[in-house]
N, C-alpha and C. Protein backbone atom coordinates (compact mmCIF):
# COMPACT_ATOMS: atom_id res chain seq x y z
N MET A 1 141.76 65.36 136.99
CA MET A 1 140.64 64.76 136.34
C MET A 1 140.83 64.87 134.83
N THR A 2 140.67 63.81 134.16
CA THR A 2 140.87 63.79 132.71
C THR A 2 139.52 63.77 132.02
N PRO A 3 139.42 64.47 130.86
CA PRO A 3 138.15 64.48 130.15
C PRO A 3 137.81 63.10 129.60
N ASP A 4 136.50 62.86 129.48
CA ASP A 4 136.03 61.59 128.92
C ASP A 4 136.39 61.54 127.45
N PRO A 5 136.74 60.37 126.98
CA PRO A 5 137.05 60.25 125.54
C PRO A 5 135.75 60.40 124.73
N PRO A 6 135.85 60.90 123.50
CA PRO A 6 134.64 61.04 122.68
C PRO A 6 134.02 59.67 122.41
N PRO A 7 132.68 59.64 122.25
CA PRO A 7 132.02 58.35 121.98
C PRO A 7 132.41 57.84 120.60
N PRO A 8 132.30 56.55 120.42
CA PRO A 8 132.60 56.01 119.08
C PRO A 8 131.65 56.63 118.05
N ALA A 9 132.07 56.71 116.81
CA ALA A 9 131.29 57.34 115.73
C ALA A 9 129.91 56.72 115.59
N SER A 10 129.76 55.47 115.88
CA SER A 10 128.45 54.83 115.71
C SER A 10 127.45 55.29 116.75
N LEU A 11 127.89 55.89 117.86
CA LEU A 11 126.99 56.35 118.89
C LEU A 11 126.71 57.86 118.80
N ALA A 12 127.38 58.56 117.92
CA ALA A 12 127.20 60.01 117.80
C ALA A 12 125.79 60.31 117.29
N THR A 13 125.17 61.38 117.82
CA THR A 13 123.82 61.75 117.40
C THR A 13 123.82 62.84 116.34
N LEU A 14 124.91 63.51 116.13
CA LEU A 14 125.01 64.56 115.12
C LEU A 14 125.95 64.14 114.02
N ASP A 15 125.67 64.64 112.82
CA ASP A 15 126.60 64.40 111.72
C ASP A 15 127.88 65.16 112.00
N PRO A 16 128.98 64.64 111.53
CA PRO A 16 130.23 65.39 111.73
C PRO A 16 130.17 66.70 110.95
N PRO A 17 130.88 67.70 111.39
CA PRO A 17 130.87 68.98 110.68
C PRO A 17 131.32 68.81 109.23
N ARG A 18 130.75 69.62 108.38
CA ARG A 18 131.09 69.60 106.96
C ARG A 18 132.46 70.25 106.79
N ALA A 19 133.26 69.62 105.98
CA ALA A 19 134.61 70.15 105.74
C ALA A 19 134.51 71.42 104.91
N VAL A 20 135.37 72.37 105.18
CA VAL A 20 135.37 73.65 104.48
C VAL A 20 135.59 73.46 102.99
N ASP A 21 136.42 72.53 102.60
CA ASP A 21 136.70 72.35 101.18
C ASP A 21 135.53 71.72 100.42
N GLU A 22 134.47 71.26 101.12
CA GLU A 22 133.28 70.73 100.45
C GLU A 22 132.33 71.84 100.02
N GLY A 23 132.54 73.06 100.48
CA GLY A 23 131.70 74.20 100.10
C GLY A 23 130.42 74.24 100.92
N PRO A 24 129.59 75.26 100.69
CA PRO A 24 128.34 75.40 101.46
C PRO A 24 127.30 74.37 101.04
N ARG A 25 126.35 74.12 101.92
CA ARG A 25 125.26 73.20 101.59
C ARG A 25 124.42 73.83 100.47
N PRO A 26 123.85 73.01 99.62
CA PRO A 26 123.01 73.56 98.55
C PRO A 26 121.80 74.29 99.13
N VAL A 27 121.58 75.52 98.69
CA VAL A 27 120.45 76.31 99.18
C VAL A 27 119.47 76.64 98.05
N LEU A 28 119.70 76.09 96.88
CA LEU A 28 118.85 76.41 95.74
C LEU A 28 117.38 76.04 95.99
N ALA A 29 117.14 74.86 96.55
CA ALA A 29 115.75 74.44 96.79
C ALA A 29 115.07 75.39 97.78
N ARG A 30 115.77 75.81 98.81
CA ARG A 30 115.18 76.75 99.77
C ARG A 30 114.90 78.09 99.12
N ARG A 31 115.80 78.55 98.29
CA ARG A 31 115.59 79.84 97.61
C ARG A 31 114.40 79.77 96.66
N ILE A 32 114.28 78.68 95.92
CA ILE A 32 113.15 78.53 95.00
C ILE A 32 111.84 78.49 95.79
N GLY A 33 111.80 77.75 96.88
CA GLY A 33 110.61 77.69 97.73
C GLY A 33 110.24 79.05 98.31
N THR A 34 111.25 79.80 98.76
CA THR A 34 110.99 81.12 99.33
C THR A 34 110.46 82.07 98.27
N VAL A 35 111.04 82.06 97.09
CA VAL A 35 110.56 82.93 96.01
C VAL A 35 109.14 82.53 95.60
N GLY A 36 108.87 81.22 95.50
CA GLY A 36 107.52 80.77 95.16
C GLY A 36 106.49 81.22 96.18
N LEU A 37 106.81 81.10 97.44
CA LEU A 37 105.90 81.56 98.50
C LEU A 37 105.69 83.06 98.42
N LEU A 38 106.75 83.80 98.15
CA LEU A 38 106.64 85.26 98.03
C LEU A 38 105.73 85.64 96.85
N VAL A 39 105.85 84.93 95.74
CA VAL A 39 105.00 85.20 94.57
C VAL A 39 103.53 84.97 94.91
N VAL A 40 103.21 83.88 95.60
CA VAL A 40 101.83 83.59 95.97
C VAL A 40 101.29 84.66 96.93
N VAL A 41 102.08 85.06 97.91
CA VAL A 41 101.64 86.08 98.87
C VAL A 41 101.41 87.42 98.16
N LEU A 42 102.33 87.82 97.28
CA LEU A 42 102.15 89.08 96.54
C LEU A 42 100.94 89.03 95.61
N ALA A 43 100.73 87.89 94.95
CA ALA A 43 99.56 87.76 94.07
C ALA A 43 98.27 87.90 94.87
N GLY A 44 98.24 87.31 96.06
CA GLY A 44 97.06 87.45 96.92
C GLY A 44 96.88 88.89 97.38
N ALA A 45 97.97 89.56 97.74
CA ALA A 45 97.90 90.95 98.20
C ALA A 45 97.43 91.88 97.09
N LEU A 46 97.75 91.55 95.86
CA LEU A 46 97.34 92.37 94.72
C LEU A 46 96.00 91.94 94.14
N ASN A 47 95.27 91.07 94.84
CA ASN A 47 93.94 90.60 94.47
C ASN A 47 93.92 89.81 93.17
N PHE A 48 95.03 89.17 92.85
CA PHE A 48 95.07 88.36 91.63
C PHE A 48 94.10 87.19 91.72
N PHE A 49 93.88 86.67 92.92
CA PHE A 49 93.01 85.51 93.10
C PHE A 49 91.58 85.91 93.43
N GLY A 50 91.28 87.20 93.40
CA GLY A 50 89.95 87.69 93.76
C GLY A 50 89.05 87.85 92.55
N LEU A 51 88.22 88.85 92.61
CA LEU A 51 87.22 89.12 91.59
C LEU A 51 87.76 90.10 90.55
N TRP A 52 87.63 89.75 89.27
CA TRP A 52 87.99 90.63 88.17
C TRP A 52 86.73 90.81 87.33
N THR A 53 86.40 92.05 87.02
CA THR A 53 85.19 92.31 86.25
C THR A 53 85.54 92.78 84.85
N SER A 54 84.55 92.71 84.00
CA SER A 54 84.71 93.16 82.62
C SER A 54 83.36 93.66 82.12
N THR A 55 83.38 94.40 81.04
CA THR A 55 82.16 94.89 80.41
C THR A 55 82.24 94.63 78.91
N THR A 56 81.19 94.03 78.38
CA THR A 56 81.10 93.86 76.92
C THR A 56 79.97 94.75 76.43
N ILE A 57 80.19 95.35 75.28
CA ILE A 57 79.20 96.26 74.69
C ILE A 57 79.02 95.90 73.23
N ARG A 58 77.77 95.87 72.79
CA ARG A 58 77.48 95.63 71.38
C ARG A 58 76.41 96.61 70.95
N THR A 59 76.60 97.26 69.83
CA THR A 59 75.63 98.20 69.29
C THR A 59 75.23 97.72 67.90
N GLU A 60 73.93 97.55 67.69
CA GLU A 60 73.40 97.11 66.40
C GLU A 60 72.07 97.81 66.15
N ASP A 61 71.87 98.31 64.96
CA ASP A 61 70.59 98.91 64.55
C ASP A 61 70.09 99.97 65.52
N GLY A 62 70.98 100.77 66.08
CA GLY A 62 70.59 101.83 67.01
C GLY A 62 70.36 101.36 68.43
N TRP A 63 70.46 100.07 68.68
CA TRP A 63 70.31 99.51 70.01
C TRP A 63 71.69 99.19 70.57
N SER A 64 71.90 99.52 71.83
CA SER A 64 73.16 99.21 72.49
C SER A 64 72.88 98.37 73.73
N VAL A 65 73.59 97.26 73.86
CA VAL A 65 73.46 96.41 75.05
C VAL A 65 74.86 96.19 75.63
N SER A 66 74.97 96.41 76.93
CA SER A 66 76.25 96.17 77.60
C SER A 66 76.01 95.28 78.81
N VAL A 67 76.99 94.45 79.10
CA VAL A 67 76.92 93.56 80.26
C VAL A 67 78.18 93.78 81.08
N HIS A 68 77.99 94.16 82.34
CA HIS A 68 79.08 94.27 83.30
C HIS A 68 78.99 93.01 84.16
N TYR A 69 80.06 92.21 84.21
CA TYR A 69 79.98 90.89 84.83
C TYR A 69 81.31 90.51 85.45
N ALA A 70 81.29 89.44 86.24
CA ALA A 70 82.52 88.88 86.82
C ALA A 70 83.21 88.05 85.76
N ARG A 71 84.37 88.53 85.30
CA ARG A 71 85.12 87.78 84.28
C ARG A 71 85.89 86.64 84.94
N ILE A 72 86.49 86.92 86.12
CA ILE A 72 87.20 85.90 86.89
C ILE A 72 86.72 86.03 88.33
N ALA A 73 86.36 84.91 88.93
CA ALA A 73 85.85 84.93 90.31
C ALA A 73 86.21 83.62 91.00
N ARG A 74 85.83 83.55 92.26
CA ARG A 74 86.01 82.33 93.05
C ARG A 74 84.69 82.03 93.74
N ALA A 75 84.52 80.77 94.10
CA ALA A 75 83.31 80.37 94.81
C ALA A 75 83.17 81.17 96.10
N GLY A 76 81.94 81.58 96.38
CA GLY A 76 81.64 82.32 97.59
C GLY A 76 81.71 83.83 97.46
N LEU A 77 82.25 84.35 96.36
CA LEU A 77 82.37 85.80 96.19
C LEU A 77 81.10 86.38 95.56
N ASP A 78 80.75 87.60 95.98
CA ASP A 78 79.68 88.33 95.30
C ASP A 78 80.14 88.61 93.87
N ALA A 79 79.22 88.49 92.94
CA ALA A 79 79.58 88.66 91.54
C ALA A 79 78.60 89.62 90.87
N PRO A 80 79.10 90.71 90.31
CA PRO A 80 78.19 91.65 89.64
C PRO A 80 77.71 91.09 88.30
N TRP A 81 76.51 91.45 87.95
CA TRP A 81 75.97 91.16 86.62
C TRP A 81 74.90 92.21 86.36
N THR A 82 75.21 93.14 85.49
CA THR A 82 74.28 94.23 85.16
C THR A 82 74.19 94.37 83.65
N VAL A 83 72.97 94.43 83.15
CA VAL A 83 72.73 94.66 81.73
C VAL A 83 72.17 96.06 81.57
N THR A 84 72.76 96.82 80.66
CA THR A 84 72.27 98.17 80.35
C THR A 84 71.90 98.20 78.87
N VAL A 85 70.68 98.65 78.60
CA VAL A 85 70.20 98.76 77.22
C VAL A 85 69.94 100.23 76.94
N GLN A 86 70.41 100.70 75.79
CA GLN A 86 70.16 102.08 75.38
C GLN A 86 69.57 102.09 73.97
N HIS A 87 68.59 102.98 73.79
CA HIS A 87 67.99 103.15 72.47
C HIS A 87 67.49 104.58 72.36
N PRO A 88 68.05 105.35 71.43
CA PRO A 88 67.59 106.74 71.28
C PRO A 88 66.10 106.76 70.96
N GLY A 89 65.37 107.59 71.68
CA GLY A 89 63.94 107.71 71.45
C GLY A 89 63.10 106.83 72.36
N GLY A 90 63.74 106.03 73.22
CA GLY A 90 62.99 105.22 74.17
C GLY A 90 62.70 103.82 73.70
N PHE A 91 61.81 103.12 74.42
CA PHE A 91 61.61 101.69 74.24
C PHE A 91 60.19 101.27 73.90
N GLY A 92 59.25 102.11 73.99
CA GLY A 92 57.87 101.66 73.84
C GLY A 92 57.35 101.23 75.21
N LYS A 93 56.47 100.23 75.23
CA LYS A 93 55.87 99.80 76.50
C LYS A 93 56.73 98.82 77.28
N GLU A 94 57.43 97.92 76.55
CA GLU A 94 58.18 96.85 77.23
C GLU A 94 59.56 96.66 76.63
N ILE A 95 60.42 96.05 77.42
CA ILE A 95 61.75 95.64 76.97
C ILE A 95 61.86 94.14 77.22
N GLU A 96 62.30 93.41 76.19
CA GLU A 96 62.50 91.97 76.34
C GLU A 96 63.98 91.66 76.23
N LEU A 97 64.47 90.87 77.19
CA LEU A 97 65.85 90.38 77.17
C LEU A 97 65.84 88.87 77.12
N ARG A 98 66.69 88.30 76.29
CA ARG A 98 66.88 86.85 76.23
C ARG A 98 68.27 86.57 76.77
N VAL A 99 68.35 85.69 77.78
CA VAL A 99 69.64 85.36 78.40
C VAL A 99 69.80 83.84 78.45
N THR A 100 71.07 83.41 78.42
CA THR A 100 71.39 81.99 78.49
C THR A 100 71.07 81.46 79.88
N SER A 101 70.20 80.48 79.97
CA SER A 101 69.75 79.93 81.26
C SER A 101 70.88 79.29 82.05
N ALA A 102 71.71 78.48 81.40
CA ALA A 102 72.73 77.70 82.10
C ALA A 102 73.79 78.58 82.77
N TYR A 103 73.97 79.81 82.29
CA TYR A 103 74.97 80.70 82.89
C TYR A 103 74.67 80.91 84.37
N PHE A 104 73.42 81.00 84.74
CA PHE A 104 73.04 81.33 86.11
C PHE A 104 73.12 80.13 87.06
N ASP A 105 73.48 78.95 86.55
CA ASP A 105 73.61 77.76 87.40
C ASP A 105 74.77 77.87 88.40
N ILE A 106 75.76 78.73 88.13
CA ILE A 106 76.90 78.85 89.04
C ILE A 106 76.62 79.82 90.20
N PHE A 107 75.46 80.45 90.19
CA PHE A 107 75.15 81.48 91.18
C PHE A 107 74.14 81.03 92.22
N GLU A 108 74.23 81.65 93.40
CA GLU A 108 73.16 81.65 94.39
C GLU A 108 72.49 83.01 94.21
N SER A 109 71.26 83.01 93.81
CA SER A 109 70.58 84.23 93.42
C SER A 109 69.90 84.93 94.59
N GLN A 110 70.02 86.24 94.60
CA GLN A 110 69.28 87.08 95.54
C GLN A 110 68.14 87.80 94.80
N GLY A 111 68.13 87.69 93.46
CA GLY A 111 67.04 88.26 92.67
C GLY A 111 67.50 89.30 91.66
N LEU A 112 66.56 89.68 90.81
CA LEU A 112 66.79 90.71 89.80
C LEU A 112 66.21 92.03 90.29
N ASP A 113 66.82 93.11 89.86
CA ASP A 113 66.30 94.44 90.19
C ASP A 113 66.38 95.31 88.95
N PRO A 114 65.28 95.68 88.35
CA PRO A 114 63.90 95.39 88.73
C PRO A 114 63.51 93.96 88.36
N GLU A 115 62.45 93.49 88.98
CA GLU A 115 61.91 92.16 88.67
C GLU A 115 61.19 92.22 87.33
N PRO A 116 61.31 91.18 86.50
CA PRO A 116 60.56 91.19 85.24
C PRO A 116 59.07 91.02 85.49
N SER A 117 58.27 91.61 84.61
CA SER A 117 56.82 91.44 84.72
C SER A 117 56.39 90.09 84.17
N ASP A 118 57.25 89.46 83.33
CA ASP A 118 56.96 88.14 82.77
C ASP A 118 58.27 87.43 82.49
N GLU A 119 58.26 86.10 82.68
CA GLU A 119 59.45 85.28 82.41
C GLU A 119 59.00 84.02 81.68
N THR A 120 59.74 83.64 80.65
CA THR A 120 59.51 82.37 79.98
C THR A 120 60.87 81.72 79.72
N SER A 121 60.84 80.42 79.48
CA SER A 121 62.08 79.69 79.20
C SER A 121 61.80 78.61 78.18
N ASP A 122 62.76 78.40 77.29
CA ASP A 122 62.63 77.31 76.33
C ASP A 122 63.61 76.18 76.67
N GLY A 123 64.20 76.23 77.87
CA GLY A 123 65.16 75.22 78.29
C GLY A 123 66.60 75.62 78.02
N THR A 124 66.82 76.47 77.05
CA THR A 124 68.15 76.96 76.73
C THR A 124 68.29 78.42 77.12
N ASP A 125 67.28 79.20 76.81
CA ASP A 125 67.30 80.64 77.10
C ASP A 125 66.09 81.03 77.93
N ASP A 126 66.29 82.04 78.77
CA ASP A 126 65.19 82.66 79.50
C ASP A 126 64.87 83.97 78.81
N THR A 127 63.59 84.30 78.72
CA THR A 127 63.17 85.58 78.17
C THR A 127 62.46 86.35 79.28
N TRP A 128 63.02 87.54 79.57
CA TRP A 128 62.47 88.39 80.62
C TRP A 128 61.82 89.60 79.97
N THR A 129 60.62 89.92 80.42
CA THR A 129 59.90 91.10 79.93
C THR A 129 59.80 92.10 81.06
N PHE A 130 60.24 93.34 80.79
CA PHE A 130 60.23 94.41 81.78
C PHE A 130 59.37 95.56 81.27
N SER A 131 58.76 96.27 82.20
CA SER A 131 58.08 97.51 81.83
C SER A 131 59.15 98.53 81.48
N ALA A 132 58.96 99.22 80.37
CA ALA A 132 59.98 100.18 79.91
C ALA A 132 59.99 101.43 80.78
N PRO A 133 61.18 101.95 81.07
CA PRO A 133 61.26 103.19 81.85
C PRO A 133 61.12 104.40 80.94
N GLU A 134 60.98 105.56 81.57
CA GLU A 134 61.05 106.82 80.82
C GLU A 134 62.48 106.99 80.34
N GLY A 135 62.67 107.62 79.22
CA GLY A 135 64.01 107.89 78.73
C GLY A 135 64.50 106.80 77.79
N ASP A 136 65.81 106.84 77.52
CA ASP A 136 66.38 105.92 76.54
C ASP A 136 67.41 104.96 77.12
N THR A 137 67.43 104.79 78.45
CA THR A 137 68.36 103.86 79.10
C THR A 137 67.61 102.99 80.10
N PHE A 138 67.87 101.69 80.02
CA PHE A 138 67.28 100.73 80.94
C PHE A 138 68.41 99.87 81.50
N ALA A 139 68.36 99.56 82.80
CA ALA A 139 69.37 98.69 83.42
C ALA A 139 68.69 97.70 84.34
N VAL A 140 69.20 96.48 84.34
CA VAL A 140 68.74 95.44 85.26
C VAL A 140 69.98 94.80 85.89
N SER A 141 69.90 94.57 87.21
CA SER A 141 71.02 93.98 87.94
C SER A 141 70.61 92.64 88.54
N PHE A 142 71.55 91.73 88.57
CA PHE A 142 71.35 90.42 89.16
C PHE A 142 72.19 90.39 90.42
N ASP A 143 71.54 90.28 91.57
CA ASP A 143 72.23 90.26 92.86
C ASP A 143 72.51 88.80 93.21
N ALA A 144 73.79 88.41 93.19
CA ALA A 144 74.13 87.01 93.39
C ALA A 144 75.56 86.85 93.86
N TYR A 145 75.86 85.65 94.32
CA TYR A 145 77.24 85.28 94.61
C TYR A 145 77.48 83.89 94.02
N ILE A 146 78.75 83.58 93.80
CA ILE A 146 79.11 82.30 93.21
C ILE A 146 78.84 81.20 94.24
N GLN A 147 78.17 80.14 93.83
CA GLN A 147 77.88 79.03 94.74
C GLN A 147 79.18 78.43 95.26
N PRO A 148 79.23 78.09 96.55
CA PRO A 148 80.44 77.46 97.10
C PRO A 148 80.79 76.16 96.38
N SER A 149 79.82 75.47 95.82
CA SER A 149 80.09 74.20 95.14
C SER A 149 80.45 74.37 93.67
N SER A 150 80.49 75.59 93.17
CA SER A 150 80.82 75.82 91.75
C SER A 150 82.33 75.84 91.57
N HIS A 151 82.80 75.04 90.61
CA HIS A 151 84.23 74.97 90.35
C HIS A 151 84.56 75.21 88.89
N ARG A 152 83.54 75.31 88.07
CA ARG A 152 83.76 75.59 86.65
C ARG A 152 83.01 76.86 86.31
N GLY A 153 83.53 77.57 85.37
CA GLY A 153 82.87 78.80 84.94
C GLY A 153 81.70 78.52 84.01
N ALA A 154 81.18 79.59 83.45
CA ALA A 154 80.05 79.45 82.54
C ALA A 154 80.07 80.58 81.52
N SER A 155 79.51 80.30 80.37
CA SER A 155 79.37 81.30 79.31
C SER A 155 77.90 81.65 79.16
N GLY A 156 77.68 82.84 78.66
CA GLY A 156 76.31 83.25 78.42
C GLY A 156 76.23 84.29 77.33
N ARG A 157 75.01 84.67 77.05
CA ARG A 157 74.76 85.68 76.03
C ARG A 157 73.47 86.38 76.42
N VAL A 158 73.43 87.67 76.19
CA VAL A 158 72.20 88.43 76.44
C VAL A 158 71.85 89.15 75.14
N ALA A 159 70.56 89.15 74.83
CA ALA A 159 70.09 89.78 73.60
C ALA A 159 68.85 90.62 73.91
N VAL A 160 68.72 91.72 73.20
CA VAL A 160 67.53 92.55 73.28
C VAL A 160 66.60 92.10 72.16
N LEU A 161 65.33 91.88 72.49
CA LEU A 161 64.34 91.45 71.51
C LEU A 161 63.35 92.57 71.24
N VAL A 162 63.07 92.78 69.98
CA VAL A 162 62.01 93.71 69.57
C VAL A 162 61.10 92.93 68.64
N ASP A 163 59.84 92.81 69.03
CA ASP A 163 58.86 92.03 68.27
C ASP A 163 59.35 90.60 68.02
N GLY A 164 60.01 90.02 69.01
CA GLY A 164 60.46 88.63 68.93
C GLY A 164 61.76 88.40 68.19
N ARG A 165 62.36 89.45 67.62
CA ARG A 165 63.64 89.26 66.91
C ARG A 165 64.75 89.99 67.65
N GLU A 166 65.94 89.40 67.60
CA GLU A 166 67.09 90.00 68.27
C GLU A 166 67.57 91.23 67.51
N VAL A 167 67.75 92.32 68.24
CA VAL A 167 68.27 93.54 67.61
C VAL A 167 69.68 93.85 68.07
N ALA A 168 70.11 93.32 69.22
CA ALA A 168 71.48 93.50 69.70
C ALA A 168 71.77 92.40 70.71
N SER A 169 72.96 91.82 70.65
CA SER A 169 73.32 90.78 71.62
C SER A 169 74.82 90.84 71.89
N THR A 170 75.20 90.33 73.05
CA THR A 170 76.62 90.29 73.39
C THR A 170 76.91 89.06 74.25
N PRO A 171 78.03 88.39 74.01
CA PRO A 171 78.41 87.23 74.81
C PRO A 171 79.27 87.64 76.01
N PHE A 172 79.36 86.75 77.00
CA PHE A 172 80.22 86.97 78.16
C PHE A 172 80.59 85.63 78.75
N ARG A 173 81.67 85.60 79.55
CA ARG A 173 82.12 84.34 80.17
C ARG A 173 82.71 84.63 81.54
N THR A 174 82.35 83.82 82.52
CA THR A 174 82.92 83.90 83.85
C THR A 174 83.77 82.67 84.08
N THR A 175 85.04 82.88 84.43
CA THR A 175 85.97 81.81 84.73
C THR A 175 86.12 81.75 86.25
N LEU A 176 86.07 80.55 86.82
CA LEU A 176 86.21 80.39 88.25
C LEU A 176 87.58 79.83 88.60
N LEU A 177 88.22 80.45 89.58
CA LEU A 177 89.49 79.97 90.09
C LEU A 177 89.23 79.16 91.35
N PRO A 178 90.11 78.21 91.66
CA PRO A 178 89.91 77.42 92.90
C PRO A 178 90.13 78.27 94.14
């Protein structure tokens, strides 16, 4: 019995083997793709794409205001926002904070803690009035998460008001990643 002759080249389903003198197939594109995928996986494992927080502090005329906030976040993540005000000797009866209204548009709000006793808005800024605590430190937290439909960040500013004038203020910005 004799073996069947090979099919004509036009009927072959596989490419002919690569000649040794042509060298190996280019693997650069595969290596670049593999390294790129590895970089993305490592960045995710190291929380590069998650929540990054920051704190800004400003002290003026004996008043100190600090804001702890989400500097970088993504839609759907819980985002901290806490304002701490300090003043040696206490605050009197009330504490007034003025905050940028538009900053809170990127959030789904669960509320402030403590709740202000009074709130007003001029369309650009909200003014919150709180009953002053004992001592020389006051803190208010905003319980919220980034809205799933938010794709752009926002800037804001918080200021402490005494008799209607700003005594200390600090800016902040939250950048949103896709």
